[in-house]
Protein backbone atom coordinates (compact mmCIF):
# COMPACT_ATOMS: atom_id res chain seq x y z
CA MET A 1 -73.03 -55.80 -62.14
CA SER A 2 -70.52 -53.11 -63.02
CA ASP A 3 -70.25 -49.68 -61.41
CA ARG A 4 -68.69 -48.37 -64.61
CA PRO A 5 -70.56 -45.28 -65.78
CA ALA A 6 -72.27 -45.20 -69.16
CA ARG A 7 -70.29 -43.40 -71.84
CA THR A 8 -71.59 -39.86 -72.28
CA ASP A 9 -72.10 -37.84 -75.41
CA ARG A 10 -71.66 -34.15 -76.17
CA SER A 11 -75.19 -33.25 -75.10
CA ALA A 12 -74.25 -33.90 -71.45
CA PHE A 13 -71.94 -30.86 -71.37
CA ARG A 14 -72.64 -27.13 -71.37
CA LEU A 15 -69.21 -25.82 -72.37
CA PHE A 16 -66.32 -27.07 -74.50
CA ARG A 17 -62.68 -26.03 -74.31
CA PRO A 18 -59.87 -27.09 -76.66
CA ILE A 19 -57.11 -29.30 -75.27
CA ALA A 20 -53.82 -29.64 -77.12
CA THR A 21 -52.08 -32.96 -76.62
CA ARG A 22 -48.31 -32.85 -76.23
CA TRP A 23 -45.61 -35.28 -77.30
CA MET A 24 -44.80 -35.92 -73.64
CA ASP A 25 -48.41 -36.98 -72.94
CA ASN A 26 -47.87 -40.26 -74.82
CA ASP A 27 -46.60 -43.23 -72.85
CA ALA A 28 -44.65 -46.30 -73.92
CA TYR A 29 -47.87 -47.84 -75.29
CA GLY A 30 -48.34 -44.98 -77.75
CA HIS A 31 -51.34 -43.31 -76.17
CA VAL A 32 -51.98 -40.52 -73.66
CA ASN A 33 -51.14 -41.83 -70.21
CA ASN A 34 -54.00 -41.86 -67.70
CA VAL A 35 -52.39 -39.29 -65.40
CA HIS A 36 -52.62 -36.59 -68.08
CA TYR A 37 -56.42 -36.73 -68.18
CA TYR A 38 -56.50 -35.25 -64.68
CA SER A 39 -54.31 -32.42 -65.93
CA TYR A 40 -56.74 -31.88 -68.82
CA PHE A 41 -59.64 -31.71 -66.33
CA ASP A 42 -57.84 -29.20 -64.13
CA SER A 43 -56.63 -27.06 -67.05
CA ALA A 44 -60.07 -26.94 -68.68
CA VAL A 45 -61.90 -25.83 -65.54
CA ASN A 46 -59.26 -23.46 -64.19
CA GLY A 47 -58.66 -21.97 -67.64
CA TRP A 48 -62.37 -21.18 -67.84
CA LEU A 49 -62.36 -19.66 -64.32
CA VAL A 50 -59.36 -17.47 -65.21
CA GLU A 51 -60.91 -16.34 -68.52
CA LYS A 52 -64.16 -15.44 -66.75
CA GLY A 53 -62.21 -13.32 -64.24
CA LEU A 54 -63.20 -15.62 -61.38
CA LEU A 55 -59.70 -16.79 -60.48
CA ALA A 56 -56.49 -14.81 -60.19
CA ILE A 57 -54.01 -17.63 -59.73
CA ALA A 58 -51.48 -15.67 -57.68
CA ASP A 59 -53.73 -13.59 -55.46
CA SER A 60 -57.43 -14.56 -55.30
CA PRO A 61 -58.37 -14.50 -51.60
CA VAL A 62 -60.68 -17.49 -52.17
CA ILE A 63 -59.48 -20.50 -54.16
CA GLY A 64 -60.86 -23.91 -55.12
CA LEU A 65 -58.89 -26.95 -53.99
CA VAL A 66 -59.45 -30.34 -55.60
CA VAL A 67 -60.54 -32.81 -52.90
CA GLU A 68 -61.79 -35.68 -55.08
CA SER A 69 -61.39 -36.85 -58.66
CA GLY A 70 -62.09 -39.84 -60.84
CA CYS A 71 -61.91 -40.89 -64.49
CA SER A 72 -63.22 -43.68 -66.73
CA TYR A 73 -61.56 -44.43 -70.07
CA PHE A 74 -63.35 -45.63 -73.20
CA GLU A 75 -60.91 -45.20 -76.09
CA SER A 76 -57.31 -44.18 -76.55
CA VAL A 77 -56.16 -40.77 -77.68
CA ALA A 78 -52.60 -39.83 -78.59
CA PHE A 79 -50.40 -36.93 -79.61
CA PRO A 80 -51.02 -35.10 -81.96
CA ASP A 81 -54.80 -35.53 -81.51
CA ALA A 82 -56.83 -32.37 -81.03
CA LEU A 83 -59.14 -32.81 -78.06
CA GLU A 84 -62.03 -30.97 -76.47
CA ALA A 85 -62.98 -30.96 -72.80
CA GLY A 86 -66.71 -30.80 -72.12
CA ILE A 87 -67.55 -29.22 -68.77
CA ALA A 88 -70.77 -29.32 -66.74
CA VAL A 89 -71.62 -28.75 -63.09
CA ALA A 90 -73.17 -31.85 -61.51
CA HIS A 91 -73.65 -30.33 -58.05
CA LEU A 92 -73.29 -26.84 -56.66
CA GLY A 93 -73.11 -26.71 -52.87
CA ARG A 94 -72.43 -23.96 -50.34
CA SER A 95 -68.64 -24.29 -50.48
CA SER A 96 -68.08 -26.98 -53.10
CA VAL A 97 -68.76 -27.75 -56.73
CA ARG A 98 -68.67 -31.13 -58.47
CA TYR A 99 -67.72 -30.90 -62.15
CA ARG A 100 -68.45 -33.51 -64.80
CA ILE A 101 -65.84 -33.50 -67.53
CA GLY A 102 -65.63 -35.37 -70.81
CA ILE A 103 -62.58 -35.60 -73.02
CA PHE A 104 -63.55 -35.85 -76.69
CA GLN A 105 -61.62 -36.26 -79.89
CA GLU A 106 -62.26 -32.98 -81.70
CA GLY A 107 -65.81 -33.16 -83.09
CA ALA A 108 -66.52 -36.68 -81.73
CA LEU A 109 -69.99 -37.43 -80.41
CA GLN A 110 -68.93 -39.66 -77.50
CA ALA A 111 -66.34 -39.09 -74.80
CA ALA A 112 -63.04 -40.92 -75.07
CA ALA A 113 -62.76 -40.48 -71.29
CA GLN A 114 -64.99 -38.90 -68.69
CA GLY A 115 -64.79 -38.12 -65.05
CA HIS A 116 -65.32 -35.67 -62.28
CA PHE A 117 -63.58 -33.55 -59.74
CA VAL A 118 -64.70 -31.57 -56.73
CA HIS A 119 -63.46 -28.11 -55.82
CA VAL A 120 -63.90 -26.99 -52.23
CA TYR A 121 -63.58 -23.23 -51.95
CA VAL A 122 -61.29 -22.09 -49.15
CA ASP A 123 -59.82 -18.90 -47.80
CA ARG A 124 -56.32 -18.80 -49.28
CA ALA A 125 -54.70 -17.69 -46.01
CA THR A 126 -56.48 -20.03 -43.57
CA GLN A 127 -57.25 -22.93 -45.94
CA ARG A 128 -60.67 -23.19 -44.25
CA PRO A 129 -63.84 -23.72 -46.34
CA VAL A 130 -65.84 -20.62 -47.26
CA GLU A 131 -68.94 -19.98 -49.33
CA ILE A 132 -68.44 -19.92 -53.07
CA PRO A 133 -68.18 -16.23 -54.03
CA PHE A 134 -71.37 -14.80 -55.56
CA GLU A 135 -69.96 -14.13 -59.05
CA THR A 136 -68.39 -17.60 -59.17
CA ARG A 137 -71.65 -19.22 -58.06
CA ARG A 138 -73.56 -17.32 -60.72
CA ALA A 139 -71.16 -18.45 -63.48
CA LEU A 140 -71.14 -22.05 -62.22
CA SER A 141 -74.94 -22.15 -62.14
CA GLU A 142 -74.90 -21.53 -65.89
CA LEU A 143 -73.10 -24.87 -66.30
CA THR A 144 -75.69 -26.94 -64.39
């Protein structure tokens, strides 16, 4: 029996953000290398947080640090494909949030890759866990 997750479709996600592939994302096999998917995950979520005014990269007193991530791949994508990252919140805790993320070819019904990552919110100065700020929690709850 496989632990491989079932491939998800667009209906599993609450928000979509465009992802532009880059020439450098392709590897010697002619497709986006696996390491870049993690960058897509991070850019999609943090871009949304910045746009919502929930993260000031240089000076927010509370920041989310990635403590866990994973990805499953179902089909290849390559530069110059236009992609979309679907984002949903799978779990919202006191100081952490687990995101589900799907990477889709633009307009595709099923994810080419999907995964997760966990942000633990910490005080920037002490790096100790803190409660997710109220406004951030409210915005994240809209993605559950």
